[in-house]
Amino acid sequence: LLRVRDLRTYFYTENGVARAVDGIS
């Protein structure tokens, strides 16, 4: 029903890029 592939969700902050979700499948 749901297929997640290489999900990357990043937050671009003053302290740098927060790779909160980093390539999950």
PDBML (XML) file of the C-alpha atoms, coordinates in Angstrom:
<?xml version="1.0" encoding="UTF-8" ?>
<PDBx:datablock datablockName="MODEL"
   xmlns:PDBx="http://pdbml.pdb.org/schema/pdbx-v50.xsd"
   xmlns:xsi="http://www.w3.org/2001/XMLSchema-instance"
   xsi:schemaLocation="http://pdbml.pdb.org/schema/pdbx-v50.xsd pdbx-v50.xsd">
   <PDBx:atom_siteCategory>
      <PDBx:atom_site id="1">
         <PDBx:B_iso_or_equiv>0.00</PDBx:B_iso_or_equiv>
         <PDBx:Cartn_x>0.000</PDBx:Cartn_x>
         <PDBx:Cartn_y>0.000</PDBx:Cartn_y>
         <PDBx:Cartn_z>0.000</PDBx:Cartn_z>
         <PDBx:auth_asym_id>A</PDBx:auth_asym_id>
         <PDBx:auth_atom_id>CA</PDBx:auth_atom_id>
         <PDBx:auth_comp_id>LEU</PDBx:auth_comp_id>
         <PDBx:auth_seq_id>1</PDBx:auth_seq_id>
         <PDBx:group_PDB>ATOM</PDBx:group_PDB>
         <PDBx:label_alt_id xsi:nil="true" />
         <PDBx:label_asym_id>A</PDBx:label_asym_id>
         <PDBx:label_atom_id>CA</PDBx:label_atom_id>
         <PDBx:label_comp_id>LEU</PDBx:label_comp_id>
         <PDBx:label_entity_id>1</PDBx:label_entity_id>
         <PDBx:label_seq_id>1</PDBx:label_seq_id>
         <PDBx:occupancy>1.00</PDBx:occupancy>
         <PDBx:pdbx_PDB_model_num>1</PDBx:pdbx_PDB_model_num>
         <PDBx:type_symbol>C</PDBx:type_symbol>
      </PDBx:atom_site>
      <PDBx:atom_site id="2">
         <PDBx:B_iso_or_equiv>0.00</PDBx:B_iso_or_equiv>
         <PDBx:Cartn_x>2.849</PDBx:Cartn_x>
         <PDBx:Cartn_y>2.374</PDBx:Cartn_y>
         <PDBx:Cartn_z>0.918</PDBx:Cartn_z>
         <PDBx:auth_asym_id>A</PDBx:auth_asym_id>
         <PDBx:auth_atom_id>CA</PDBx:auth_atom_id>
         <PDBx:auth_comp_id>LEU</PDBx:auth_comp_id>
         <PDBx:auth_seq_id>2</PDBx:auth_seq_id>
         <PDBx:group_PDB>ATOM</PDBx:group_PDB>
         <PDBx:label_alt_id xsi:nil="true" />
         <PDBx:label_asym_id>A</PDBx:label_asym_id>
         <PDBx:label_atom_id>CA</PDBx:label_atom_id>
         <PDBx:label_comp_id>LEU</PDBx:label_comp_id>
         <PDBx:label_entity_id>1</PDBx:label_entity_id>
         <PDBx:label_seq_id>2</PDBx:label_seq_id>
         <PDBx:occupancy>1.00</PDBx:occupancy>
         <PDBx:pdbx_PDB_model_num>1</PDBx:pdbx_PDB_model_num>
         <PDBx:type_symbol>C</PDBx:type_symbol>
      </PDBx:atom_site>
      <PDBx:atom_site id="3">
         <PDBx:B_iso_or_equiv>0.00</PDBx:B_iso_or_equiv>
         <PDBx:Cartn_x>6.410</PDBx:Cartn_x>
         <PDBx:Cartn_y>2.078</PDBx:Cartn_y>
         <PDBx:Cartn_z>-0.347</PDBx:Cartn_z>
         <PDBx:auth_asym_id>A</PDBx:auth_asym_id>
         <PDBx:auth_atom_id>CA</PDBx:auth_atom_id>
         <PDBx:auth_comp_id>ARG</PDBx:auth_comp_id>
         <PDBx:auth_seq_id>3</PDBx:auth_seq_id>
         <PDBx:group_PDB>ATOM</PDBx:group_PDB>
         <PDBx:label_alt_id xsi:nil="true" />
         <PDBx:label_asym_id>A</PDBx:label_asym_id>
         <PDBx:label_atom_id>CA</PDBx:label_atom_id>
         <PDBx:label_comp_id>ARG</PDBx:label_comp_id>
         <PDBx:label_entity_id>1</PDBx:label_entity_id>
         <PDBx:label_seq_id>3</PDBx:label_seq_id>
         <PDBx:occupancy>1.00</PDBx:occupancy>
         <PDBx:pdbx_PDB_model_num>1</PDBx:pdbx_PDB_model_num>
         <PDBx:type_symbol>C</PDBx:type_symbol>
      </PDBx:atom_site>
      <PDBx:atom_site id="4">
         <PDBx:B_iso_or_equiv>0.00</PDBx:B_iso_or_equiv>
         <PDBx:Cartn_x>8.931</PDBx:Cartn_x>
         <PDBx:Cartn_y>4.568</PDBx:Cartn_y>
         <PDBx:Cartn_z>1.044</PDBx:Cartn_z>
         <PDBx:auth_asym_id>A</PDBx:auth_asym_id>
         <PDBx:auth_atom_id>CA</PDBx:auth_atom_id>
         <PDBx:auth_comp_id>VAL</PDBx:auth_comp_id>
         <PDBx:auth_seq_id>4</PDBx:auth_seq_id>
         <PDBx:group_PDB>ATOM</PDBx:group_PDB>
         <PDBx:label_alt_id xsi:nil="true" />
         <PDBx:label_asym_id>A</PDBx:label_asym_id>
         <PDBx:label_atom_id>CA</PDBx:label_atom_id>
         <PDBx:label_comp_id>VAL</PDBx:label_comp_id>
         <PDBx:label_entity_id>1</PDBx:label_entity_id>
         <PDBx:label_seq_id>4</PDBx:label_seq_id>
         <PDBx:occupancy>1.00</PDBx:occupancy>
         <PDBx:pdbx_PDB_model_num>1</PDBx:pdbx_PDB_model_num>
         <PDBx:type_symbol>C</PDBx:type_symbol>
      </PDBx:atom_site>
      <PDBx:atom_site id="5">
         <PDBx:B_iso_or_equiv>0.00</PDBx:B_iso_or_equiv>
         <PDBx:Cartn_x>12.267</PDBx:Cartn_x>
         <PDBx:Cartn_y>4.728</PDBx:Cartn_y>
         <PDBx:Cartn_z>-0.768</PDBx:Cartn_z>
         <PDBx:auth_asym_id>A</PDBx:auth_asym_id>
         <PDBx:auth_atom_id>CA</PDBx:auth_atom_id>
         <PDBx:auth_comp_id>ARG</PDBx:auth_comp_id>
         <PDBx:auth_seq_id>5</PDBx:auth_seq_id>
         <PDBx:group_PDB>ATOM</PDBx:group_PDB>
         <PDBx:label_alt_id xsi:nil="true" />
         <PDBx:label_asym_id>A</PDBx:label_asym_id>
         <PDBx:label_atom_id>CA</PDBx:label_atom_id>
         <PDBx:label_comp_id>ARG</PDBx:label_comp_id>
         <PDBx:label_entity_id>1</PDBx:label_entity_id>
         <PDBx:label_seq_id>5</PDBx:label_seq_id>
         <PDBx:occupancy>1.00</PDBx:occupancy>
         <PDBx:pdbx_PDB_model_num>1</PDBx:pdbx_PDB_model_num>
         <PDBx:type_symbol>C</PDBx:type_symbol>
      </PDBx:atom_site>
      <PDBx:atom_site id="6">
         <PDBx:B_iso_or_equiv>0.00</PDBx:B_iso_or_equiv>
         <PDBx:Cartn_x>15.299</PDBx:Cartn_x>
         <PDBx:Cartn_y>6.779</PDBx:Cartn_y>
         <PDBx:Cartn_z>0.279</PDBx:Cartn_z>
         <PDBx:auth_asym_id>A</PDBx:auth_asym_id>
         <PDBx:auth_atom_id>CA</PDBx:auth_atom_id>
         <PDBx:auth_comp_id>ASP</PDBx:auth_comp_id>
         <PDBx:auth_seq_id>6</PDBx:auth_seq_id>
         <PDBx:group_PDB>ATOM</PDBx:group_PDB>
         <PDBx:label_alt_id xsi:nil="true" />
         <PDBx:label_asym_id>A</PDBx:label_asym_id>
         <PDBx:label_atom_id>CA</PDBx:label_atom_id>
         <PDBx:label_comp_id>ASP</PDBx:label_comp_id>
         <PDBx:label_entity_id>1</PDBx:label_entity_id>
         <PDBx:label_seq_id>6</PDBx:label_seq_id>
         <PDBx:occupancy>1.00</PDBx:occupancy>
         <PDBx:pdbx_PDB_model_num>1</PDBx:pdbx_PDB_model_num>
         <PDBx:type_symbol>C</PDBx:type_symbol>
      </PDBx:atom_site>
      <PDBx:atom_site id="7">
         <PDBx:B_iso_or_equiv>0.00</PDBx:B_iso_or_equiv>
         <PDBx:Cartn_x>13.232</PDBx:Cartn_x>
         <PDBx:Cartn_y>9.321</PDBx:Cartn_y>
         <PDBx:Cartn_z>2.222</PDBx:Cartn_z>
         <PDBx:auth_asym_id>A</PDBx:auth_asym_id>
         <PDBx:auth_atom_id>CA</PDBx:auth_atom_id>
         <PDBx:auth_comp_id>LEU</PDBx:auth_comp_id>
         <PDBx:auth_seq_id>7</PDBx:auth_seq_id>
         <PDBx:group_PDB>ATOM</PDBx:group_PDB>
         <PDBx:label_alt_id xsi:nil="true" />
         <PDBx:label_asym_id>A</PDBx:label_asym_id>
         <PDBx:label_atom_id>CA</PDBx:label_atom_id>
         <PDBx:label_comp_id>LEU</PDBx:label_comp_id>
         <PDBx:label_entity_id>1</PDBx:label_entity_id>
         <PDBx:label_seq_id>7</PDBx:label_seq_id>
         <PDBx:occupancy>1.00</PDBx:occupancy>
         <PDBx:pdbx_PDB_model_num>1</PDBx:pdbx_PDB_model_num>
         <PDBx:type_symbol>C</PDBx:type_symbol>
      </PDBx:atom_site>
      <PDBx:atom_site id="8">
         <PDBx:B_iso_or_equiv>0.00</PDBx:B_iso_or_equiv>
         <PDBx:Cartn_x>15.344</PDBx:Cartn_x>
         <PDBx:Cartn_y>12.282</PDBx:Cartn_y>
         <PDBx:Cartn_z>3.242</PDBx:Cartn_z>
         <PDBx:auth_asym_id>A</PDBx:auth_asym_id>
         <PDBx:auth_atom_id>CA</PDBx:auth_atom_id>
         <PDBx:auth_comp_id>ARG</PDBx:auth_comp_id>
         <PDBx:auth_seq_id>8</PDBx:auth_seq_id>
         <PDBx:group_PDB>ATOM</PDBx:group_PDB>
         <PDBx:label_alt_id xsi:nil="true" />
         <PDBx:label_asym_id>A</PDBx:label_asym_id>
         <PDBx:label_atom_id>CA</PDBx:label_atom_id>
         <PDBx:label_comp_id>ARG</PDBx:label_comp_id>
         <PDBx:label_entity_id>1</PDBx:label_entity_id>
         <PDBx:label_seq_id>8</PDBx:label_seq_id>
         <PDBx:occupancy>1.00</PDBx:occupancy>
         <PDBx:pdbx_PDB_model_num>1</PDBx:pdbx_PDB_model_num>
         <PDBx:type_symbol>C</PDBx:type_symbol>
      </PDBx:atom_site>
      <PDBx:atom_site id="9">
         <PDBx:B_iso_or_equiv>0.00</PDBx:B_iso_or_equiv>
         <PDBx:Cartn_x>13.797</PDBx:Cartn_x>
         <PDBx:Cartn_y>15.130</PDBx:Cartn_y>
         <PDBx:Cartn_z>5.213</PDBx:Cartn_z>
         <PDBx:auth_asym_id>A</PDBx:auth_asym_id>
         <PDBx:auth_atom_id>CA</PDBx:auth_atom_id>
         <PDBx:auth_comp_id>THR</PDBx:auth_comp_id>
         <PDBx:auth_seq_id>9</PDBx:auth_seq_id>
         <PDBx:group_PDB>ATOM</PDBx:group_PDB>
         <PDBx:label_alt_id xsi:nil="true" />
         <PDBx:label_asym_id>A</PDBx:label_asym_id>
         <PDBx:label_atom_id>CA</PDBx:label_atom_id>
         <PDBx:label_comp_id>THR</PDBx:label_comp_id>
         <PDBx:label_entity_id>1</PDBx:label_entity_id>
         <PDBx:label_seq_id>9</PDBx:label_seq_id>
         <PDBx:occupancy>1.00</PDBx:occupancy>
         <PDBx:pdbx_PDB_model_num>1</PDBx:pdbx_PDB_model_num>
         <PDBx:type_symbol>C</PDBx:type_symbol>
      </PDBx:atom_site>
      <PDBx:atom_site id="10">
         <PDBx:B_iso_or_equiv>0.00</PDBx:B_iso_or_equiv>
         <PDBx:Cartn_x>16.233</PDBx:Cartn_x>
         <PDBx:Cartn_y>17.885</PDBx:Cartn_y>
         <PDBx:Cartn_z>6.168</PDBx:Cartn_z>
         <PDBx:auth_asym_id>A</PDBx:auth_asym_id>
         <PDBx:auth_atom_id>CA</PDBx:auth_atom_id>
         <PDBx:auth_comp_id>TYR</PDBx:auth_comp_id>
         <PDBx:auth_seq_id>10</PDBx:auth_seq_id>
         <PDBx:group_PDB>ATOM</PDBx:group_PDB>
         <PDBx:label_alt_id xsi:nil="true" />
         <PDBx:label_asym_id>A</PDBx:label_asym_id>
         <PDBx:label_atom_id>CA</PDBx:label_atom_id>
         <PDBx:label_comp_id>TYR</PDBx:label_comp_id>
         <PDBx:label_entity_id>1</PDBx:label_entity_id>
         <PDBx:label_seq_id>10</PDBx:label_seq_id>
         <PDBx:occupancy>1.00</PDBx:occupancy>
         <PDBx:pdbx_PDB_model_num>1</PDBx:pdbx_PDB_model_num>
         <PDBx:type_symbol>C</PDBx:type_symbol>
      </PDBx:atom_site>
      <PDBx:atom_site id="11">
         <PDBx:B_iso_or_equiv>0.00</PDBx:B_iso_or_equiv>
         <PDBx:Cartn_x>15.830</PDBx:Cartn_x>
         <PDBx:Cartn_y>21.074</PDBx:Cartn_y>
         <PDBx:Cartn_z>8.192</PDBx:Cartn_z>
         <PDBx:auth_asym_id>A</PDBx:auth_asym_id>
         <PDBx:auth_atom_id>CA</PDBx:auth_atom_id>
         <PDBx:auth_comp_id>PHE</PDBx:auth_comp_id>
         <PDBx:auth_seq_id>11</PDBx:auth_seq_id>
         <PDBx:group_PDB>ATOM</PDBx:group_PDB>
         <PDBx:label_alt_id xsi:nil="true" />
         <PDBx:label_asym_id>A</PDBx:label_asym_id>
         <PDBx:label_atom_id>CA</PDBx:label_atom_id>
         <PDBx:label_comp_id>PHE</PDBx:label_comp_id>
         <PDBx:label_entity_id>1</PDBx:label_entity_id>
         <PDBx:label_seq_id>11</PDBx:label_seq_id>
         <PDBx:occupancy>1.00</PDBx:occupancy>
         <PDBx:pdbx_PDB_model_num>1</PDBx:pdbx_PDB_model_num>
         <PDBx:type_symbol>C</PDBx:type_symbol>
      </PDBx:atom_site>
      <PDBx:atom_site id="12">
         <PDBx:B_iso_or_equiv>0.00</PDBx:B_iso_or_equiv>
         <PDBx:Cartn_x>17.946</PDBx:Cartn_x>
         <PDBx:Cartn_y>24.039</PDBx:Cartn_y>
         <PDBx:Cartn_z>7.152</PDBx:Cartn_z>
         <PDBx:auth_asym_id>A</PDBx:auth_asym_id>
         <PDBx:auth_atom_id>CA</PDBx:auth_atom_id>
         <PDBx:auth_comp_id>TYR</PDBx:auth_comp_id>
         <PDBx:auth_seq_id>12</PDBx:auth_seq_id>
         <PDBx:group_PDB>ATOM</PDBx:group_PDB>
         <PDBx:label_alt_id xsi:nil="true" />
         <PDBx:label_asym_id>A</PDBx:label_asym_id>
         <PDBx:label_atom_id>CA</PDBx:label_atom_id>
         <PDBx:label_comp_id>TYR</PDBx:label_comp_id>
         <PDBx:label_entity_id>1</PDBx:label_entity_id>
         <PDBx:label_seq_id>12</PDBx:label_seq_id>
         <PDBx:occupancy>1.00</PDBx:occupancy>
         <PDBx:pdbx_PDB_model_num>1</PDBx:pdbx_PDB_model_num>
         <PDBx:type_symbol>C</PDBx:type_symbol>
      </PDBx:atom_site>
      <PDBx:atom_site id="13">
         <PDBx:B_iso_or_equiv>0.00</PDBx:B_iso_or_equiv>
         <PDBx:Cartn_x>18.801</PDBx:Cartn_x>
         <PDBx:Cartn_y>25.930</PDBx:Cartn_y>
         <PDBx:Cartn_z>10.339</PDBx:Cartn_z>
         <PDBx:auth_asym_id>A</PDBx:auth_asym_id>
         <PDBx:auth_atom_id>CA</PDBx:auth_atom_id>
         <PDBx:auth_comp_id>THR</PDBx:auth_comp_id>
         <PDBx:auth_seq_id>13</PDBx:auth_seq_id>
         <PDBx:group_PDB>ATOM</PDBx:group_PDB>
         <PDBx:label_alt_id xsi:nil="true" />
         <PDBx:label_asym_id>A</PDBx:label_asym_id>
         <PDBx:label_atom_id>CA</PDBx:label_atom_id>
         <PDBx:label_comp_id>THR</PDBx:label_comp_id>
         <PDBx:label_entity_id>1</PDBx:label_entity_id>
         <PDBx:label_seq_id>13</PDBx:label_seq_id>
         <PDBx:occupancy>1.00</PDBx:occupancy>
         <PDBx:pdbx_PDB_model_num>1</PDBx:pdbx_PDB_model_num>
         <PDBx:type_symbol>C</PDBx:type_symbol>
      </PDBx:atom_site>
      <PDBx:atom_site id="14">
         <PDBx:B_iso_or_equiv>0.00</PDBx:B_iso_or_equiv>
         <PDBx:Cartn_x>21.300</PDBx:Cartn_x>
         <PDBx:Cartn_y>28.548</PDBx:Cartn_y>
         <PDBx:Cartn_z>11.500</PDBx:Cartn_z>
         <PDBx:auth_asym_id>A</PDBx:auth_asym_id>
         <PDBx:auth_atom_id>CA</PDBx:auth_atom_id>
         <PDBx:auth_comp_id>GLU</PDBx:auth_comp_id>
         <PDBx:auth_seq_id>14</PDBx:auth_seq_id>
         <PDBx:group_PDB>ATOM</PDBx:group_PDB>
         <PDBx:label_alt_id xsi:nil="true" />
         <PDBx:label_asym_id>A</PDBx:label_asym_id>
         <PDBx:label_atom_id>CA</PDBx:label_atom_id>
         <PDBx:label_comp_id>GLU</PDBx:label_comp_id>
         <PDBx:label_entity_id>1</PDBx:label_entity_id>
         <PDBx:label_seq_id>14</PDBx:label_seq_id>
         <PDBx:occupancy>1.00</PDBx:occupancy>
         <PDBx:pdbx_PDB_model_num>1</PDBx:pdbx_PDB_model_num>
         <PDBx:type_symbol>C</PDBx:type_symbol>
      </PDBx:atom_site>
      <PDBx:atom_site id="15">
         <PDBx:B_iso_or_equiv>0.00</PDBx:B_iso_or_equiv>
         <PDBx:Cartn_x>23.294</PDBx:Cartn_x>
         <PDBx:Cartn_y>25.744</PDBx:Cartn_y>
         <PDBx:Cartn_z>13.121</PDBx:Cartn_z>
         <PDBx:auth_asym_id>A</PDBx:auth_asym_id>
         <PDBx:auth_atom_id>CA</PDBx:auth_atom_id>
         <PDBx:auth_comp_id>ASN</PDBx:auth_comp_id>
         <PDBx:auth_seq_id>15</PDBx:auth_seq_id>
         <PDBx:group_PDB>ATOM</PDBx:group_PDB>
         <PDBx:label_alt_id xsi:nil="true" />
         <PDBx:label_asym_id>A</PDBx:label_asym_id>
         <PDBx:label_atom_id>CA</PDBx:label_atom_id>
         <PDBx:label_comp_id>ASN</PDBx:label_comp_id>
         <PDBx:label_entity_id>1</PDBx:label_entity_id>
         <PDBx:label_seq_id>15</PDBx:label_seq_id>
         <PDBx:occupancy>1.00</PDBx:occupancy>
         <PDBx:pdbx_PDB_model_num>1</PDBx:pdbx_PDB_model_num>
         <PDBx:type_symbol>C</PDBx:type_symbol>
      </PDBx:atom_site>
      <PDBx:atom_site id="16">
         <PDBx:B_iso_or_equiv>0.00</PDBx:B_iso_or_equiv>
         <PDBx:Cartn_x>23.538</PDBx:Cartn_x>
         <PDBx:Cartn_y>23.769</PDBx:Cartn_y>
         <PDBx:Cartn_z>9.897</PDBx:Cartn_z>
         <PDBx:auth_asym_id>A</PDBx:auth_asym_id>
         <PDBx:auth_atom_id>CA</PDBx:auth_atom_id>
         <PDBx:auth_comp_id>GLY</PDBx:auth_comp_id>
         <PDBx:auth_seq_id>16</PDBx:auth_seq_id>
         <PDBx:group_PDB>ATOM</PDBx:group_PDB>
         <PDBx:label_alt_id xsi:nil="true" />
         <PDBx:label_asym_id>A</PDBx:label_asym_id>
         <PDBx:label_atom_id>CA</PDBx:label_atom_id>
         <PDBx:label_comp_id>GLY</PDBx:label_comp_id>
         <PDBx:label_entity_id>1</PDBx:label_entity_id>
         <PDBx:label_seq_id>16</PDBx:label_seq_id>
         <PDBx:occupancy>1.00</PDBx:occupancy>
         <PDBx:pdbx_PDB_model_num>1</PDBx:pdbx_PDB_model_num>
         <PDBx:type_symbol>C</PDBx:type_symbol>
      </PDBx:atom_site>
      <PDBx:atom_site id="17">
         <PDBx:B_iso_or_equiv>0.00</PDBx:B_iso_or_equiv>
         <PDBx:Cartn_x>21.502</PDBx:Cartn_x>
         <PDBx:Cartn_y>21.153</PDBx:Cartn_y>
         <PDBx:Cartn_z>8.052</PDBx:Cartn_z>
         <PDBx:auth_asym_id>A</PDBx:auth_asym_id>
         <PDBx:auth_atom_id>CA</PDBx:auth_atom_id>
         <PDBx:auth_comp_id>VAL</PDBx:auth_comp_id>
         <PDBx:auth_seq_id>17</PDBx:auth_seq_id>
         <PDBx:group_PDB>ATOM</PDBx:group_PDB>
         <PDBx:label_alt_id xsi:nil="true" />
         <PDBx:label_asym_id>A</PDBx:label_asym_id>
         <PDBx:label_atom_id>CA</PDBx:label_atom_id>
         <PDBx:label_comp_id>VAL</PDBx:label_comp_id>
         <PDBx:label_entity_id>1</PDBx:label_entity_id>
         <PDBx:label_seq_id>17</PDBx:label_seq_id>
         <PDBx:occupancy>1.00</PDBx:occupancy>
         <PDBx:pdbx_PDB_model_num>1</PDBx:pdbx_PDB_model_num>
         <PDBx:type_symbol>C</PDBx:type_symbol>
      </PDBx:atom_site>
      <PDBx:atom_site id="18">
         <PDBx:B_iso_or_equiv>0.00</PDBx:B_iso_or_equiv>
         <PDBx:Cartn_x>19.645</PDBx:Cartn_x>
         <PDBx:Cartn_y>18.839</PDBx:Cartn_y>
         <PDBx:Cartn_z>10.433</PDBx:Cartn_z>
         <PDBx:auth_asym_id>A</PDBx:auth_asym_id>
         <PDBx:auth_atom_id>CA</PDBx:auth_atom_id>
         <PDBx:auth_comp_id>ALA</PDBx:auth_comp_id>
         <PDBx:auth_seq_id>18</PDBx:auth_seq_id>
         <PDBx:group_PDB>ATOM</PDBx:group_PDB>
         <PDBx:label_alt_id xsi:nil="true" />
         <PDBx:label_asym_id>A</PDBx:label_asym_id>
         <PDBx:label_atom_id>CA</PDBx:label_atom_id>
         <PDBx:label_comp_id>ALA</PDBx:label_comp_id>
         <PDBx:label_entity_id>1</PDBx:label_entity_id>
         <PDBx:label_seq_id>18</PDBx:label_seq_id>
         <PDBx:occupancy>1.00</PDBx:occupancy>
         <PDBx:pdbx_PDB_model_num>1</PDBx:pdbx_PDB_model_num>
         <PDBx:type_symbol>C</PDBx:type_symbol>
      </PDBx:atom_site>
      <PDBx:atom_site id="19">
         <PDBx:B_iso_or_equiv>0.00</PDBx:B_iso_or_equiv>
         <PDBx:Cartn_x>19.231</PDBx:Cartn_x>
         <PDBx:Cartn_y>15.509</PDBx:Cartn_y>
         <PDBx:Cartn_z>8.630</PDBx:Cartn_z>
         <PDBx:auth_asym_id>A</PDBx:auth_asym_id>
         <PDBx:auth_atom_id>CA</PDBx:auth_atom_id>
         <PDBx:auth_comp_id>ARG</PDBx:auth_comp_id>
         <PDBx:auth_seq_id>19</PDBx:auth_seq_id>
         <PDBx:group_PDB>ATOM</PDBx:group_PDB>
         <PDBx:label_alt_id xsi:nil="true" />
         <PDBx:label_asym_id>A</PDBx:label_asym_id>
         <PDBx:label_atom_id>CA</PDBx:label_atom_id>
         <PDBx:label_comp_id>ARG</PDBx:label_comp_id>
         <PDBx:label_entity_id>1</PDBx:label_entity_id>
         <PDBx:label_seq_id>19</PDBx:label_seq_id>
         <PDBx:occupancy>1.00</PDBx:occupancy>
         <PDBx:pdbx_PDB_model_num>1</PDBx:pdbx_PDB_model_num>
         <PDBx:type_symbol>C</PDBx:type_symbol>
      </PDBx:atom_site>
      <PDBx:atom_site id="20">
         <PDBx:B_iso_or_equiv>0.00</PDBx:B_iso_or_equiv>
         <PDBx:Cartn_x>16.218</PDBx:Cartn_x>
         <PDBx:Cartn_y>14.425</PDBx:Cartn_y>
         <PDBx:Cartn_z>10.690</PDBx:Cartn_z>
         <PDBx:auth_asym_id>A</PDBx:auth_asym_id>
         <PDBx:auth_atom_id>CA</PDBx:auth_atom_id>
         <PDBx:auth_comp_id>ALA</PDBx:auth_comp_id>
         <PDBx:auth_seq_id>20</PDBx:auth_seq_id>
         <PDBx:group_PDB>ATOM</PDBx:group_PDB>
         <PDBx:label_alt_id xsi:nil="true" />
         <PDBx:label_asym_id>A</PDBx:label_asym_id>
         <PDBx:label_atom_id>CA</PDBx:label_atom_id>
         <PDBx:label_comp_id>ALA</PDBx:label_comp_id>
         <PDBx:label_entity_id>1</PDBx:label_entity_id>
         <PDBx:label_seq_id>20</PDBx:label_seq_id>
         <PDBx:occupancy>1.00</PDBx:occupancy>
         <PDBx:pdbx_PDB_model_num>1</PDBx:pdbx_PDB_model_num>
         <PDBx:type_symbol>C</PDBx:type_symbol>
      </PDBx:atom_site>
      <PDBx:atom_site id="21">
         <PDBx:B_iso_or_equiv>0.00</PDBx:B_iso_or_equiv>
         <PDBx:Cartn_x>15.308</PDBx:Cartn_x>
         <PDBx:Cartn_y>11.562</PDBx:Cartn_y>
         <PDBx:Cartn_z>8.344</PDBx:Cartn_z>
         <PDBx:auth_asym_id>A</PDBx:auth_asym_id>
         <PDBx:auth_atom_id>CA</PDBx:auth_atom_id>
         <PDBx:auth_comp_id>VAL</PDBx:auth_comp_id>
         <PDBx:auth_seq_id>21</PDBx:auth_seq_id>
         <PDBx:group_PDB>ATOM</PDBx:group_PDB>
         <PDBx:label_alt_id xsi:nil="true" />
         <PDBx:label_asym_id>A</PDBx:label_asym_id>
         <PDBx:label_atom_id>CA</PDBx:label_atom_id>
         <PDBx:label_comp_id>VAL</PDBx:label_comp_id>
         <PDBx:label_entity_id>1</PDBx:label_entity_id>
         <PDBx:label_seq_id>21</PDBx:label_seq_id>
         <PDBx:occupancy>1.00</PDBx:occupancy>
         <PDBx:pdbx_PDB_model_num>1</PDBx:pdbx_PDB_model_num>
         <PDBx:type_symbol>C</PDBx:type_symbol>
      </PDBx:atom_site>
      <PDBx:atom_site id="22">
         <PDBx:B_iso_or_equiv>0.00</PDBx:B_iso_or_equiv>
         <PDBx:Cartn_x>18.288</PDBx:Cartn_x>
         <PDBx:Cartn_y>10.441</PDBx:Cartn_y>
         <PDBx:Cartn_z>6.334</PDBx:Cartn_z>
         <PDBx:auth_asym_id>A</PDBx:auth_asym_id>
         <PDBx:auth_atom_id>CA</PDBx:auth_atom_id>
         <PDBx:auth_comp_id>ASP</PDBx:auth_comp_id>
         <PDBx:auth_seq_id>22</PDBx:auth_seq_id>
         <PDBx:group_PDB>ATOM</PDBx:group_PDB>
         <PDBx:label_alt_id xsi:nil="true" />
         <PDBx:label_asym_id>A</PDBx:label_asym_id>
         <PDBx:label_atom_id>CA</PDBx:label_atom_id>
         <PDBx:label_comp_id>ASP</PDBx:label_comp_id>
         <PDBx:label_entity_id>1</PDBx:label_entity_id>
         <PDBx:label_seq_id>22</PDBx:label_seq_id>
         <PDBx:occupancy>1.00</PDBx:occupancy>
         <PDBx:pdbx_PDB_model_num>1</PDBx:pdbx_PDB_model_num>
         <PDBx:type_symbol>C</PDBx:type_symbol>
      </PDBx:atom_site>
      <PDBx:atom_site id="23">
         <PDBx:B_iso_or_equiv>0.00</PDBx:B_iso_or_equiv>
         <PDBx:Cartn_x>17.580</PDBx:Cartn_x>
         <PDBx:Cartn_y>7.901</PDBx:Cartn_y>
         <PDBx:Cartn_z>3.607</PDBx:Cartn_z>
         <PDBx:auth_asym_id>A</PDBx:auth_asym_id>
         <PDBx:auth_atom_id>CA</PDBx:auth_atom_id>
         <PDBx:auth_comp_id>GLY</PDBx:auth_comp_id>
         <PDBx:auth_seq_id>23</PDBx:auth_seq_id>
         <PDBx:group_PDB>ATOM</PDBx:group_PDB>
         <PDBx:label_alt_id xsi:nil="true" />
         <PDBx:label_asym_id>A</PDBx:label_asym_id>
         <PDBx:label_atom_id>CA</PDBx:label_atom_id>
         <PDBx:label_comp_id>GLY</PDBx:label_comp_id>
         <PDBx:label_entity_id>1</PDBx:label_entity_id>
         <PDBx:label_seq_id>23</PDBx:label_seq_id>
         <PDBx:occupancy>1.00</PDBx:occupancy>
         <PDBx:pdbx_PDB_model_num>1</PDBx:pdbx_PDB_model_num>
         <PDBx:type_symbol>C</PDBx:type_symbol>
      </PDBx:atom_site>
      <PDBx:atom_site id="24">
         <PDBx:B_iso_or_equiv>0.00</PDBx:B_iso_or_equiv>
         <PDBx:Cartn_x>15.072</PDBx:Cartn_x>
         <PDBx:Cartn_y>5.438</PDBx:Cartn_y>
         <PDBx:Cartn_z>5.052</PDBx:Cartn_z>
         <PDBx:auth_asym_id>A</PDBx:auth_asym_id>
         <PDBx:auth_atom_id>CA</PDBx:auth_atom_id>
         <PDBx:auth_comp_id>ILE</PDBx:auth_comp_id>
         <PDBx:auth_seq_id>24</PDBx:auth_seq_id>
         <PDBx:group_PDB>ATOM</PDBx:group_PDB>
         <PDBx:label_alt_id xsi:nil="true" />
         <PDBx:label_asym_id>A</PDBx:label_asym_id>
         <PDBx:label_atom_id>CA</PDBx:label_atom_id>
         <PDBx:label_comp_id>ILE</PDBx:label_comp_id>
         <PDBx:label_entity_id>1</PDBx:label_entity_id>
         <PDBx:label_seq_id>24</PDBx:label_seq_id>
         <PDBx:occupancy>1.00</PDBx:occupancy>
         <PDBx:pdbx_PDB_model_num>1</PDBx:pdbx_PDB_model_num>
         <PDBx:type_symbol>C</PDBx:type_symbol>
      </PDBx:atom_site>
      <PDBx:atom_site id="25">
         <PDBx:B_iso_or_equiv>0.00</PDBx:B_iso_or_equiv>
         <PDBx:Cartn_x>13.136</PDBx:Cartn_x>
         <PDBx:Cartn_y>2.814</PDBx:Cartn_y>
         <PDBx:Cartn_z>3.069</PDBx:Cartn_z>
         <PDBx:auth_asym_id>A</PDBx:auth_asym_id>
         <PDBx:auth_atom_id>CA</PDBx:auth_atom_id>
         <PDBx:auth_comp_id>SER</PDBx:auth_comp_id>
         <PDBx:auth_seq_id>25</PDBx:auth_seq_id>
         <PDBx:group_PDB>ATOM</PDBx:group_PDB>
         <PDBx:label_alt_id xsi:nil="true" />
         <PDBx:label_asym_id>A</PDBx:label_asym_id>
         <PDBx:label_atom_id>CA</PDBx:label_atom_id>
         <PDBx:label_comp_id>SER</PDBx:label_comp_id>
         <PDBx:label_entity_id>1</PDBx:label_entity_id>
         <PDBx:label_seq_id>25</PDBx:label_seq_id>
         <PDBx:occupancy>1.00</PDBx:occupancy>
         <PDBx:pdbx_PDB_model_num>1</PDBx:pdbx_PDB_model_num>
         <PDBx:type_symbol>C</PDBx:type_symbol>
      </PDBx:atom_site>
   </PDBx:atom_siteCategory>
</PDBx:datablock>
